[in-house]
Amino acid sequence: VETVDVEELENVVKACTSGTRKVFQYIHEIVTALAGVIEYQEMALKMFLQAALCADALEVSEESVSYEFFVQAFTLYEEVADTKTQ
């Protein structure tokens, strides 16, 4: 039976978490840019919500990542003038 070095395992987990967090930061930048274009606001709203669900499912470093996506989604939802979208 092979022994597991706990410190090495913790380093791997930290690296994965850091990389995943960076991916979600990039997604946030892209979706925020889409939200700035009126034609893409509905799509951006859906993407914010989907990203929030994914971040929550992956448990990306605390709850702050998914929370931020939900905040952006609700903010955009309030800004959307089209009642059909709401």
PDB file of N, CA and C in Angstrom:
ATOM      1  N   VAL A   1       0.852  -1.173   0.000  1.00  0.00           N
ATOM      2  CA  VAL A   1       0.000   0.000   0.000  1.00  0.00           C
ATOM      3  C   VAL A   1       0.896   1.234   0.000  1.00  0.00           C
ATOM      4  N   GLU A   2       0.583   2.135  -0.883  1.00  0.00           N
ATOM      5  CA  GLU A   2       1.362   3.360  -1.023  1.00  0.00           C
ATOM      6  C   GLU A   2       0.864   4.417  -0.042  1.00  0.00           C
ATOM      7  N   THR A   3       1.789   5.079   0.641  1.00  0.00           N
ATOM      8  CA  THR A   3       1.389   6.127   1.577  1.00  0.00           C
ATOM      9  C   THR A   3       1.202   7.443   0.830  1.00  0.00           C
ATOM     10  N   VAL A   4       0.313   8.253   1.357  1.00  0.00           N
ATOM     11  CA  VAL A   4       0.002   9.536   0.741  1.00  0.00           C
ATOM     12  C   VAL A   4       0.627  10.648   1.578  1.00  0.00           C
ATOM     13  N   ASP A   5       1.374  11.506   0.935  1.00  0.00           N
ATOM     14  CA  ASP A   5       1.959  12.654   1.613  1.00  0.00           C
ATOM     15  C   ASP A   5       0.877  13.729   1.717  1.00  0.00           C
ATOM     16  N   VAL A   6       0.436  14.004   2.934  1.00  0.00           N
ATOM     17  CA  VAL A   6      -0.663  14.938   3.170  1.00  0.00           C
ATOM     18  C   VAL A   6      -0.310  16.332   2.676  1.00  0.00           C
ATOM     19  N   GLU A   7       0.906  16.756   2.892  1.00  0.00           N
ATOM     20  CA  GLU A   7       1.326  18.091   2.461  1.00  0.00           C
ATOM     21  C   GLU A   7       1.268  18.208   0.935  1.00  0.00           C
ATOM     22  N   GLU A   8       1.715  17.178   0.256  1.00  0.00           N
ATOM     23  CA  GLU A   8       1.683  17.171  -1.208  1.00  0.00           C
ATOM     24  C   GLU A   8       0.240  17.207  -1.706  1.00  0.00           C
ATOM     25  N   LEU A   9      -0.618  16.453  -1.066  1.00  0.00           N
ATOM     26  CA  LEU A   9      -2.022  16.428  -1.429  1.00  0.00           C
ATOM     27  C   LEU A   9      -2.665  17.789  -1.214  1.00  0.00           C
ATOM     28  N   GLU A  10      -2.340  18.458  -0.118  1.00  0.00           N
ATOM     29  CA  GLU A  10      -2.866  19.801   0.143  1.00  0.00           C
ATOM     30  C   GLU A  10      -2.396  20.790  -0.913  1.00  0.00           C
ATOM     31  N   ASN A  11      -1.151  20.657  -1.351  1.00  0.00           N
ATOM     32  CA  ASN A  11      -0.630  21.534  -2.400  1.00  0.00           C
ATOM     33  C   ASN A  11      -1.372  21.327  -3.718  1.00  0.00           C
ATOM     34  N   VAL A  12      -1.690  20.092  -4.046  1.00  0.00           N
ATOM     35  CA  VAL A  12      -2.437  19.788  -5.265  1.00  0.00           C
ATOM     36  C   VAL A  12      -3.835  20.401  -5.192  1.00  0.00           C
ATOM     37  N   VAL A  13      -4.483  20.263  -4.047  1.00  0.00           N
ATOM     38  CA  VAL A  13      -5.828  20.822  -3.868  1.00  0.00           C
ATOM     39  C   VAL A  13      -5.788  22.340  -4.007  1.00  0.00           C
ATOM     40  N   LYS A  14      -4.789  22.992  -3.410  1.00  0.00           N
ATOM     41  CA  LYS A  14      -4.650  24.446  -3.515  1.00  0.00           C
ATOM     42  C   LYS A  14      -4.444  24.877  -4.961  1.00  0.00           C
ATOM     43  N   ALA A  15      -3.614  24.146  -5.689  1.00  0.00           N
ATOM     44  CA  ALA A  15      -3.347  24.480  -7.089  1.00  0.00           C
ATOM     45  C   ALA A  15      -4.605  24.350  -7.929  1.00  0.00           C
ATOM     46  N   CYS A  16      -5.355  23.297  -7.703  1.00  0.00           N
ATOM     47  CA  CYS A  16      -6.601  23.092  -8.456  1.00  0.00           C
ATOM     48  C   CYS A  16      -7.620  24.176  -8.130  1.00  0.00           C
ATOM     49  N   THR A  17      -7.738  24.504  -6.862  1.00  0.00           N
ATOM     50  CA  THR A  17      -8.682  25.537  -6.444  1.00  0.00           C
ATOM     51  C   THR A  17      -8.305  26.879  -7.040  1.00  0.00           C
ATOM     52  N   SER A  18      -7.032  27.190  -7.019  1.00  0.00           N
ATOM     53  CA  SER A  18      -6.556  28.459  -7.570  1.00  0.00           C
ATOM     54  C   SER A  18      -6.832  28.536  -9.062  1.00  0.00           C
ATOM     55  N   GLY A  19      -6.556  27.453  -9.782  1.00  0.00           N
ATOM     56  CA  GLY A  19      -6.796  27.417 -11.224  1.00  0.00           C
ATOM     57  C   GLY A  19      -8.270  27.527 -11.553  1.00  0.00           C
ATOM     58  N   THR A  20      -9.099  26.849 -10.789  1.00  0.00           N
ATOM     59  CA  THR A  20     -10.540  26.898 -11.017  1.00  0.00           C
ATOM     60  C   THR A  20     -11.067  28.293 -10.744  1.00  0.00           C
ATOM     61  N   ARG A  21     -10.572  28.912  -9.690  1.00  0.00           N
ATOM     62  CA  ARG A  21     -11.006  30.274  -9.360  1.00  0.00           C
ATOM     63  C   ARG A  21     -10.646  31.236 -10.493  1.00  0.00           C
ATOM     64  N   LYS A  22      -9.466  31.073 -11.085  1.00  0.00           N
ATOM     65  CA  LYS A  22      -9.055  31.933 -12.192  1.00  0.00           C
ATOM     66  C   LYS A  22      -9.960  31.740 -13.406  1.00  0.00           C
ATOM     67  N   VAL A  23     -10.379  30.523 -13.645  1.00  0.00           N
ATOM     68  CA  VAL A  23     -11.296  30.249 -14.760  1.00  0.00           C
ATOM     69  C   VAL A  23     -12.616  30.989 -14.536  1.00  0.00           C
ATOM     70  N   PHE A  24     -13.123  30.926 -13.310  1.00  0.00           N
ATOM     71  CA  PHE A  24     -14.381  31.610 -13.015  1.00  0.00           C
ATOM     72  C   PHE A  24     -14.221  33.132 -13.071  1.00  0.00           C
ATOM     73  N   GLN A  25     -13.060  33.653 -12.732  1.00  0.00           N
ATOM     74  CA  GLN A  25     -12.812  35.092 -12.873  1.00  0.00           C
ATOM     75  C   GLN A  25     -12.866  35.493 -14.345  1.00  0.00           C
ATOM     76  N   TYR A  26     -12.291  34.668 -15.197  1.00  0.00           N
ATOM     77  CA  TYR A  26     -12.314  34.932 -16.639  1.00  0.00           C
ATOM     78  C   TYR A  26     -13.748  34.858 -17.172  1.00  0.00           C
ATOM     79  N   ILE A  27     -14.498  33.861 -16.734  1.00  0.00           N
ATOM     80  CA  ILE A  27     -15.901  33.743 -17.136  1.00  0.00           C
ATOM     81  C   ILE A  27     -16.668  34.982 -16.695  1.00  0.00           C
ATOM     82  N   HIS A  28     -16.403  35.451 -15.492  1.00  0.00           N
ATOM     83  CA  HIS A  28     -17.078  36.642 -14.973  1.00  0.00           C
ATOM     84  C   HIS A  28     -16.796  37.857 -15.857  1.00  0.00           C
ATOM     85  N   GLU A  29     -15.550  38.023 -16.269  1.00  0.00           N
ATOM     86  CA  GLU A  29     -15.181  39.140 -17.146  1.00  0.00           C
ATOM     87  C   GLU A  29     -15.930  39.076 -18.472  1.00  0.00           C
ATOM     88  N   ILE A  30     -15.990  37.890 -19.061  1.00  0.00           N
ATOM     89  CA  ILE A  30     -16.650  37.722 -20.357  1.00  0.00           C
ATOM     90  C   ILE A  30     -18.142  37.997 -20.249  1.00  0.00           C
ATOM     91  N   VAL A  31     -18.782  37.427 -19.244  1.00  0.00           N
ATOM     92  CA  VAL A  31     -20.225  37.586 -19.101  1.00  0.00           C
ATOM     93  C   VAL A  31     -20.563  39.033 -18.743  1.00  0.00           C
ATOM     94  N   THR A  32     -19.727  39.679 -17.963  1.00  0.00           N
ATOM     95  CA  THR A  32     -19.941  41.088 -17.645  1.00  0.00           C
ATOM     96  C   THR A  32     -19.872  41.934 -18.910  1.00  0.00           C
ATOM     97  N   ALA A  33     -18.948  41.613 -19.800  1.00  0.00           N
ATOM     98  CA  ALA A  33     -18.861  42.327 -21.077  1.00  0.00           C
ATOM     99  C   ALA A  33     -20.130  42.103 -21.907  1.00  0.00           C
ATOM    100  N   LEU A  34     -20.634  40.885 -21.923  1.00  0.00           N
ATOM    101  CA  LEU A  34     -21.884  40.601 -22.639  1.00  0.00           C
ATOM    102  C   LEU A  34     -23.056  41.371 -22.041  1.00  0.00           C
ATOM    103  N   ALA A  35     -23.077  41.492 -20.730  1.00  0.00           N
ATOM    104  CA  ALA A  35     -24.171  42.195 -20.051  1.00  0.00           C
ATOM    105  C   ALA A  35     -24.213  43.667 -20.436  1.00  0.00           C
ATOM    106  N   GLY A  36     -23.096  44.202 -20.875  1.00  0.00           N
ATOM    107  CA  GLY A  36     -23.036  45.599 -21.297  1.00  0.00           C
ATOM    108  C   GLY A  36     -23.629  45.857 -22.666  1.00  0.00           C
ATOM    109  N   VAL A  37     -23.956  44.806 -23.388  1.00  0.00           N
ATOM    110  CA  VAL A  37     -24.544  44.942 -24.719  1.00  0.00           C
ATOM    111  C   VAL A  37     -26.019  44.568 -24.617  1.00  0.00           C
ATOM    112  N   ILE A  38     -26.877  45.499 -24.952  1.00  0.00           N
ATOM    113  CA  ILE A  38     -28.325  45.311 -24.766  1.00  0.00           C
ATOM    114  C   ILE A  38     -28.828  44.024 -25.403  1.00  0.00           C
ATOM    115  N   GLU A  39     -28.358  43.702 -26.594  1.00  0.00           N
ATOM    116  CA  GLU A  39     -28.826  42.504 -27.299  1.00  0.00           C
ATOM    117  C   GLU A  39     -28.462  41.206 -26.582  1.00  0.00           C
ATOM    118  N   TYR A  40     -27.451  41.245 -25.723  1.00  0.00           N
ATOM    119  CA  TYR A  40     -26.967  40.037 -25.066  1.00  0.00           C
ATOM    120  C   TYR A  40     -27.274  39.978 -23.566  1.00  0.00           C
ATOM    121  N   GLN A  41     -28.065  40.909 -23.064  1.00  0.00           N
ATOM    122  CA  GLN A  41     -28.339  40.943 -21.632  1.00  0.00           C
ATOM    123  C   GLN A  41     -29.086  39.708 -21.146  1.00  0.00           C
ATOM    124  N   GLU A  42     -30.044  39.230 -21.916  1.00  0.00           N
ATOM    125  CA  GLU A  42     -30.775  38.028 -21.500  1.00  0.00           C
ATOM    126  C   GLU A  42     -29.839  36.821 -21.451  1.00  0.00           C
ATOM    127  N   MET A  43     -28.969  36.710 -22.449  1.00  0.00           N
ATOM    128  CA  MET A  43     -28.007  35.619 -22.466  1.00  0.00           C
ATOM    129  C   MET A  43     -27.050  35.736 -21.280  1.00  0.00           C
ATOM    130  N   ALA A  44     -26.602  36.954 -20.992  1.00  0.00           N
ATOM    131  CA  ALA A  44     -25.689  37.177 -19.873  1.00  0.00           C
ATOM    132  C   ALA A  44     -26.350  36.801 -18.549  1.00  0.00           C
ATOM    133  N   LEU A  45     -27.616  37.129 -18.401  1.00  0.00           N
ATOM    134  CA  LEU A  45     -28.350  36.766 -17.195  1.00  0.00           C
ATOM    135  C   LEU A  45     -28.345  35.254 -16.989  1.00  0.00           C
ATOM    136  N   LYS A  46     -28.649  34.530 -18.044  1.00  0.00           N
ATOM    137  CA  LYS A  46     -28.661  33.070 -17.959  1.00  0.00           C
ATOM    138  C   LYS A  46     -27.263  32.522 -17.683  1.00  0.00           C
ATOM    139  N   MET A  47     -26.245  33.143 -18.282  1.00  0.00           N
ATOM    140  CA  MET A  47     -24.873  32.679 -18.076  1.00  0.00           C
ATOM    141  C   MET A  47     -24.398  32.956 -16.654  1.00  0.00           C
ATOM    142  N   PHE A  48     -24.787  34.109 -16.079  1.00  0.00           N
ATOM    143  CA  PHE A  48     -24.446  34.384 -14.678  1.00  0.00           C
ATOM    144  C   PHE A  48     -25.042  33.316 -13.771  1.00  0.00           C
ATOM    145  N   LEU A  49     -26.300  32.978 -14.017  1.00  0.00           N
ATOM    146  CA  LEU A  49     -26.960  31.966 -13.189  1.00  0.00           C
ATOM    147  C   LEU A  49     -26.310  30.595 -13.355  1.00  0.00           C
ATOM    148  N   GLN A  50     -25.992  30.234 -14.593  1.00  0.00           N
ATOM    149  CA  GLN A  50     -25.362  28.935 -14.839  1.00  0.00           C
ATOM    150  C   GLN A  50     -23.978  28.869 -14.194  1.00  0.00           C
ATOM    151  N   ALA A  51     -23.224  29.948 -14.302  1.00  0.00           N
ATOM    152  CA  ALA A  51     -21.900  29.983 -13.690  1.00  0.00           C
ATOM    153  C   ALA A  51     -21.999  29.885 -12.163  1.00  0.00           C
ATOM    154  N   ALA A  52     -23.012  30.523 -11.586  1.00  0.00           N
ATOM    155  CA  ALA A  52     -23.215  30.449 -10.132  1.00  0.00           C
ATOM    156  C   ALA A  52     -23.496  29.014  -9.706  1.00  0.00           C
ATOM    157  N   LEU A  53     -24.334  28.337 -10.464  1.00  0.00           N
ATOM    158  CA  LEU A  53     -24.653  26.942 -10.137  1.00  0.00           C
ATOM    159  C   LEU A  53     -23.411  26.051 -10.273  1.00  0.00           C
ATOM    160  N   CYS A  54     -22.623  26.275 -11.312  1.00  0.00           N
ATOM    161  CA  CYS A  54     -21.401  25.474 -11.505  1.00  0.00           C
ATOM    162  C   CYS A  54     -20.392  25.729 -10.395  1.00  0.00           C
ATOM    163  N   ALA A  55     -20.187  26.993 -10.048  1.00  0.00           N
ATOM    164  CA  ALA A  55     -19.240  27.328  -8.977  1.00  0.00           C
ATOM    165  C   ALA A  55     -19.690  26.718  -7.658  1.00  0.00           C
ATOM    166  N   ASP A  56     -20.992  26.746  -7.413  1.00  0.00           N
ATOM    167  CA  ASP A  56     -21.511  26.156  -6.182  1.00  0.00           C
ATOM    168  C   ASP A  56     -21.317  24.641  -6.183  1.00  0.00           C
ATOM    169  N   ALA A  57     -21.594  24.002  -7.309  1.00  0.00           N
ATOM    170  CA  ALA A  57     -21.452  22.549  -7.401  1.00  0.00           C
ATOM    171  C   ALA A  57     -19.997  22.118  -7.237  1.00  0.00           C
ATOM    172  N   LEU A  58     -19.071  22.927  -7.741  1.00  0.00           N
ATOM    173  CA  LEU A  58     -17.648  22.610  -7.632  1.00  0.00           C
ATOM    174  C   LEU A  58     -17.060  23.074  -6.309  1.00  0.00           C
ATOM    175  N   GLU A  59     -17.870  23.774  -5.519  1.00  0.00           N
ATOM    176  CA  GLU A  59     -17.424  24.306  -4.231  1.00  0.00           C
ATOM    177  C   GLU A  59     -16.120  25.072  -4.382  1.00  0.00           C
ATOM    178  N   VAL A  60     -16.130  26.017  -5.310  1.00  0.00           N
ATOM    179  CA  VAL A  60     -14.943  26.819  -5.594  1.00  0.00           C
ATOM    180  C   VAL A  60     -14.710  27.803  -4.457  1.00  0.00           C
ATOM    181  N   SER A  61     -13.634  27.592  -3.727  1.00  0.00           N
ATOM    182  CA  SER A  61     -13.173  28.451  -2.633  1.00  0.00           C
ATOM    183  C   SER A  61     -14.270  29.251  -1.955  1.00  0.00           C
ATOM    184  N   GLU A  62     -14.815  28.658  -0.970  1.00  0.00           N
ATOM    185  CA  GLU A  62     -15.890  29.226  -0.168  1.00  0.00           C
ATOM    186  C   GLU A  62     -17.144  29.424  -1.023  1.00  0.00           C
ATOM    187  N   GLU A  63     -17.990  30.307  -0.562  1.00  0.00           N
ATOM    188  CA  GLU A  63     -19.229  30.570  -1.295  1.00  0.00           C
ATOM    189  C   GLU A  63     -19.138  31.868  -2.087  1.00  0.00           C
ATOM    190  N   SER A  64     -18.037  32.591  -1.958  1.00  0.00           N
ATOM    191  CA  SER A  64     -17.946  33.922  -2.548  1.00  0.00           C
ATOM    192  C   SER A  64     -18.045  33.928  -4.068  1.00  0.00           C
ATOM    193  N   VAL A  65     -17.541  32.919  -4.727  1.00  0.00           N
ATOM    194  CA  VAL A  65     -17.567  32.892  -6.187  1.00  0.00           C
ATOM    195  C   VAL A  65     -18.999  32.731  -6.688  1.00  0.00           C
ATOM    196  N   SER A  66     -19.708  31.740  -6.201  1.00  0.00           N
ATOM    197  CA  SER A  66     -21.090  31.547  -6.637  1.00  0.00           C
ATOM    198  C   SER A  66     -21.960  32.720  -6.204  1.00  0.00           C
ATOM    199  N   TYR A  67     -21.717  33.252  -5.007  1.00  0.00           N
ATOM    200  CA  TYR A  67     -22.479  34.397  -4.515  1.00  0.00           C
ATOM    201  C   TYR A  67     -22.333  35.589  -5.462  1.00  0.00           C
ATOM    202  N   GLU A  68     -21.115  35.854  -5.912  1.00  0.00           N
ATOM    203  CA  GLU A  68     -20.868  36.986  -6.812  1.00  0.00           C
ATOM    204  C   GLU A  68     -21.628  36.821  -8.127  1.00  0.00           C
ATOM    205  N   PHE A  69     -21.659  35.617  -8.658  1.00  0.00           N
ATOM    206  CA  PHE A  69     -22.420  35.388  -9.892  1.00  0.00           C
ATOM    207  C   PHE A  69     -23.918  35.606  -9.663  1.00  0.00           C
ATOM    208  N   PHE A  70     -24.434  35.159  -8.528  1.00  0.00           N
ATOM    209  CA  PHE A  70     -25.848  35.388  -8.222  1.00  0.00           C
ATOM    210  C   PHE A  70     -26.143  36.876  -8.065  1.00  0.00           C
ATOM    211  N   VAL A  71     -25.258  37.602  -7.406  1.00  0.00           N
ATOM    212  CA  VAL A  71     -25.438  39.052  -7.239  1.00  0.00           C
ATOM    213  C   VAL A  71     -25.500  39.730  -8.597  1.00  0.00           C
ATOM    214  N   GLN A  72     -24.581  39.369  -9.477  1.00  0.00           N
ATOM    215  CA  GLN A  72     -24.568  39.961 -10.817  1.00  0.00           C
ATOM    216  C   GLN A  72     -25.838  39.612 -11.596  1.00  0.00           C
ATOM    217  N   ALA A  73     -26.299  38.380 -11.449  1.00  0.00           N
ATOM    218  CA  ALA A  73     -27.514  37.961 -12.144  1.00  0.00           C
ATOM    219  C   ALA A  73     -28.717  38.762 -11.665  1.00  0.00           C
ATOM    220  N   PHE A  74     -28.859  38.903 -10.363  1.00  0.00           N
ATOM    221  CA  PHE A  74     -30.001  39.646  -9.836  1.00  0.00           C
ATOM    222  C   PHE A  74     -29.913  41.133 -10.158  1.00  0.00           C
ATOM    223  N   THR A  75     -28.705  41.679 -10.155  1.00  0.00           N
ATOM    224  CA  THR A  75     -28.516  43.078 -10.532  1.00  0.00           C
ATOM    225  C   THR A  75     -28.922  43.288 -11.986  1.00  0.00           C
ATOM    226  N   LEU A  76     -28.477  42.411 -12.857  1.00  0.00           N
ATOM    227  CA  LEU A  76     -28.837  42.510 -14.267  1.00  0.00           C
ATOM    228  C   LEU A  76     -30.335  42.317 -14.452  1.00  0.00           C
ATOM    229  N   TYR A  77     -30.912  41.393 -13.715  1.00  0.00           N
ATOM    230  CA  TYR A  77     -32.349  41.137 -13.783  1.00  0.00           C
ATOM    231  C   TYR A  77     -33.134  42.406 -13.456  1.00  0.00           C
ATOM    232  N   GLU A  78     -32.699  43.123 -12.447  1.00  0.00           N
ATOM    233  CA  GLU A  78     -33.370  44.367 -12.055  1.00  0.00           C
ATOM    234  C   GLU A  78     -33.200  45.463 -13.110  1.00  0.00           C
ATOM    235  N   GLU A  79     -32.085  45.440 -13.819  1.00  0.00           N
ATOM    236  CA  GLU A  79     -31.809  46.461 -14.823  1.00  0.00           C
ATOM    237  C   GLU A  79     -32.528  46.212 -16.136  1.00  0.00           C
ATOM    238  N   VAL A  80     -32.885  44.977 -16.406  1.00  0.00           N
ATOM    239  CA  VAL A  80     -33.526  44.629 -17.673  1.00  0.00           C
ATOM    240  C   VAL A  80     -34.917  45.258 -17.704  1.00  0.00           C
ATOM    241  N   ALA A  81     -35.144  46.080 -18.722  1.00  0.00           N
ATOM    242  CA  ALA A  81     -36.421  46.802 -18.810  1.00  0.00           C
ATOM    243  C   ALA A  81     -37.517  45.924 -19.398  1.00  0.00           C
ATOM    244  N   ASP A  82     -37.146  44.908 -20.153  1.00  0.00           N
ATOM    245  CA  ASP A  82     -38.111  44.054 -20.848  1.00  0.00           C
ATOM    246  C   ASP A  82     -38.805  43.132 -19.839  1.00  0.00           C
ATOM    247  N   THR A  83     -40.093  43.327 -19.628  1.00  0.00           N
ATOM    248  CA  THR A  83     -40.819  42.524 -18.653  1.00  0.00           C
ATOM    249  C   THR A  83     -40.958  41.081 -19.095  1.00  0.00           C
ATOM    250  N   LYS A  84     -40.877  40.839 -20.390  1.00  0.00           N
ATOM    251  CA  LYS A  84     -40.954  39.464 -20.878  1.00  0.00           C
ATOM    252  C   LYS A  84     -39.755  38.655 -20.362  1.00  0.00           C
ATOM    253  N   THR A  85     -38.589  39.256 -20.370  1.00  0.00           N
ATOM    254  CA  THR A  85     -37.392  38.581 -19.865  1.00  0.00           C
ATOM    255  C   THR A  85     -37.530  38.302 -18.369  1.00  0.00           C
ATOM    256  N   GLN A  86     -38.098  39.264 -17.646  1.00  0.00           N
ATOM    257  CA  GLN A  86     -38.289  39.073 -16.210  1.00  0.00           C
ATOM    258  C   GLN A  86     -39.348  38.036 -15.948  1.00  0.00           C
TER     259      GLN A  86
END
